[in-house]
Amino acid sequence: MVHFDVNWLAIILATIASMALGMIWYMTLAKQWIAATGKKEDELMGSGGKSPSPFVFAAVCQFIMAYFISVLTPPLMGGVVNPYNGAVVGITLWAGFIMTAMVLNHRYQNMSWKLTLIDGGYLLGVVILQGIVIGLFGGTGMTG
């Protein structure tokens, strides 16, 4: 498996698409999400919402997620990279690692199940959308 022979354009587009999804998701569920955190709005997002760092971390993390969906889809799906297979790999990673880690952490942190569902639902949307975008563009580099 060659880790750098990926379609970087697809990974960048998948990252942008998932960031846009986050904007829509959390704008729609902002009040419910804030209530589920048990904090006040000014306590969230660092510096009263004025710091760009949460968005930078989100972009970097989602870029890494898209990269691994791109790397893992071909070997897990018999070399076939398409939107369906990309979404299936995303869902598999979400069920096996993302959601299980989130539930584990949220239970130790005594966070609400509502927060787990809001954040977990968003991340499910992220990996599905990223898998679809990566599947649309294929999994190998620009020459592949």
Protein backbone atom coordinates (compact mmCIF):
# COMPACT_ATOMS: atom_id res chain seq x y z
CA MET A 1 0.00 0.00 0.00
CA VAL A 2 1.49 3.34 -1.07
CA HIS A 3 0.40 5.94 1.46
CA PHE A 4 1.09 9.00 -0.66
CA ASP A 5 -0.38 7.76 -3.96
CA VAL A 6 -3.77 9.28 -3.26
CA ASN A 7 -5.87 11.84 -5.04
CA TRP A 8 -4.97 14.92 -3.01
CA LEU A 9 -7.59 17.01 -4.80
CA ALA A 10 -10.29 14.55 -3.68
CA ILE A 11 -8.99 14.73 -0.11
CA ILE A 12 -9.01 18.52 -0.13
CA LEU A 13 -12.52 18.62 -1.64
CA ALA A 14 -13.73 16.04 0.90
CA THR A 15 -12.31 18.19 3.69
CA ILE A 16 -14.02 21.32 2.37
CA ALA A 17 -17.33 19.47 1.92
CA SER A 18 -17.22 18.08 5.47
CA MET A 19 -16.37 21.52 6.90
CA ALA A 20 -19.39 22.94 5.05
CA LEU A 21 -21.51 20.14 6.49
CA GLY A 22 -20.28 21.11 9.96
CA MET A 23 -21.28 24.71 9.40
CA ILE A 24 -24.79 23.69 8.40
CA TRP A 25 -25.09 20.96 11.08
CA TYR A 26 -24.03 23.08 14.00
CA MET A 27 -25.83 26.23 12.84
CA THR A 28 -29.01 24.16 12.69
CA LEU A 29 -28.41 22.45 16.04
CA ALA A 30 -26.57 25.28 17.84
CA LYS A 31 -29.04 25.75 20.69
CA GLN A 32 -29.42 22.01 21.29
CA TRP A 33 -25.64 21.47 21.11
CA ILE A 34 -24.87 24.28 23.56
CA ALA A 35 -27.50 22.97 25.98
CA ALA A 36 -26.14 19.42 25.63
CA THR A 37 -22.61 20.56 26.55
CA GLY A 38 -23.84 21.90 29.88
CA LYS A 39 -21.85 25.08 29.30
CA LYS A 40 -22.70 28.65 28.44
CA GLU A 41 -22.14 29.92 24.92
CA ASP A 42 -19.28 32.20 25.96
CA GLU A 43 -17.44 29.23 27.53
CA LEU A 44 -17.31 27.39 24.20
CA MET A 45 -15.08 27.76 21.15
CA GLY A 46 -12.22 29.48 23.01
CA SER A 47 -11.94 33.21 23.60
CA GLY A 48 -15.69 33.67 23.49
CA GLY A 49 -15.96 32.28 19.98
CA LYS A 50 -13.34 34.64 18.55
CA SER A 51 -10.46 32.18 18.26
CA PRO A 52 -10.00 30.47 14.88
CA SER A 53 -8.16 27.53 16.50
CA PRO A 54 -11.19 25.20 16.78
CA PHE A 55 -11.78 25.58 13.04
CA VAL A 56 -8.10 25.00 12.25
CA PHE A 57 -8.08 21.84 14.37
CA ALA A 58 -11.33 20.72 12.71
CA ALA A 59 -9.91 21.24 9.23
CA VAL A 60 -6.69 19.38 10.04
CA CYS A 61 -8.56 16.48 11.65
CA GLN A 62 -11.02 16.21 8.80
CA PHE A 63 -8.18 16.32 6.28
CA ILE A 64 -6.59 13.38 8.11
CA MET A 65 -9.92 11.51 8.15
CA ALA A 66 -10.37 12.05 4.40
CA TYR A 67 -6.80 10.91 3.79
CA PHE A 68 -7.37 7.63 5.63
CA ILE A 69 -10.68 6.99 3.87
CA SER A 70 -8.79 7.49 0.62
CA VAL A 71 -5.97 5.16 1.68
CA LEU A 72 -8.19 2.44 3.14
CA THR A 73 -10.97 2.27 0.56
CA PRO A 74 -9.01 0.45 -2.18
CA PRO A 75 -7.64 -2.38 -0.01
CA LEU A 76 -10.86 -2.82 1.95
CA MET A 77 -13.08 -2.78 -1.14
CA GLY A 78 -11.08 -4.99 -3.51
CA GLY A 79 -9.52 -2.06 -5.33
CA VAL A 80 -12.89 -0.59 -6.32
CA VAL A 81 -13.18 3.07 -5.38
CA ASN A 82 -16.60 4.56 -5.98
CA PRO A 83 -19.00 6.69 -3.92
CA TYR A 84 -20.77 3.67 -2.41
CA ASN A 85 -17.54 1.94 -1.36
CA GLY A 86 -16.11 5.17 0.01
CA ALA A 87 -19.24 5.71 2.11
CA VAL A 88 -19.15 2.09 3.35
CA VAL A 89 -15.54 2.48 4.47
CA GLY A 90 -16.43 5.76 6.18
CA ILE A 91 -19.35 4.16 8.01
CA THR A 92 -17.17 1.21 9.02
CA LEU A 93 -14.50 3.50 10.46
CA TRP A 94 -17.19 5.54 12.23
CA ALA A 95 -18.82 2.48 13.81
CA GLY A 96 -15.54 0.80 14.73
CA PHE A 97 -13.48 3.74 15.95
CA ILE A 98 -15.07 7.18 15.91
CA MET A 99 -18.37 6.51 17.65
CA THR A 100 -16.99 3.94 20.05
CA ALA A 101 -14.22 6.34 21.14
CA MET A 102 -16.73 9.17 21.50
CA VAL A 103 -19.12 7.07 23.62
CA LEU A 104 -16.22 5.92 25.78
CA ASN A 105 -14.97 9.47 26.36
CA HIS A 106 -18.41 10.98 26.85
CA ARG A 107 -19.33 8.37 29.45
CA TYR A 108 -16.16 9.04 31.47
CA GLN A 109 -16.76 12.80 31.10
CA ASN A 110 -20.39 12.39 32.17
CA MET A 111 -21.55 14.23 29.06
CA SER A 112 -25.14 13.97 27.92
CA TRP A 113 -26.27 11.32 25.47
CA LYS A 114 -27.78 14.17 23.47
CA LEU A 115 -24.28 15.62 22.94
CA THR A 116 -23.02 12.20 21.89
CA LEU A 117 -25.83 11.87 19.36
CA ILE A 118 -25.36 15.38 17.95
CA ASP A 119 -21.59 15.07 17.61
CA GLY A 120 -21.70 11.42 16.57
CA GLY A 121 -24.36 12.14 13.95
CA TYR A 122 -22.24 14.93 12.54
CA LEU A 123 -19.17 12.71 12.32
CA LEU A 124 -21.21 10.01 10.62
CA GLY A 125 -22.23 12.62 8.06
CA VAL A 126 -18.58 13.65 7.69
CA VAL A 127 -17.28 10.18 6.85
CA ILE A 128 -20.18 9.40 4.52
CA LEU A 129 -19.76 12.68 2.66
CA GLN A 130 -15.98 12.30 2.52
CA GLY A 131 -16.31 8.73 1.25
CA ILE A 132 -18.70 9.85 -1.47
CA VAL A 133 -16.43 12.70 -2.59
CA ILE A 134 -13.37 10.46 -2.58
CA GLY A 135 -15.33 7.81 -4.48
CA LEU A 136 -16.37 10.33 -7.10
CA PHE A 137 -12.77 11.26 -7.79
CA GLY A 138 -11.18 7.83 -7.38
CA GLY A 139 -8.65 6.79 -4.80
CA THR A 140 -5.30 7.01 -6.52
CA GLY A 141 -3.12 9.95 -7.37
CA MET A 142 -3.70 12.33 -10.24
CA THR A 143 -1.88 10.00 -12.63
CA GLY A 144 -3.94 6.94 -11.59
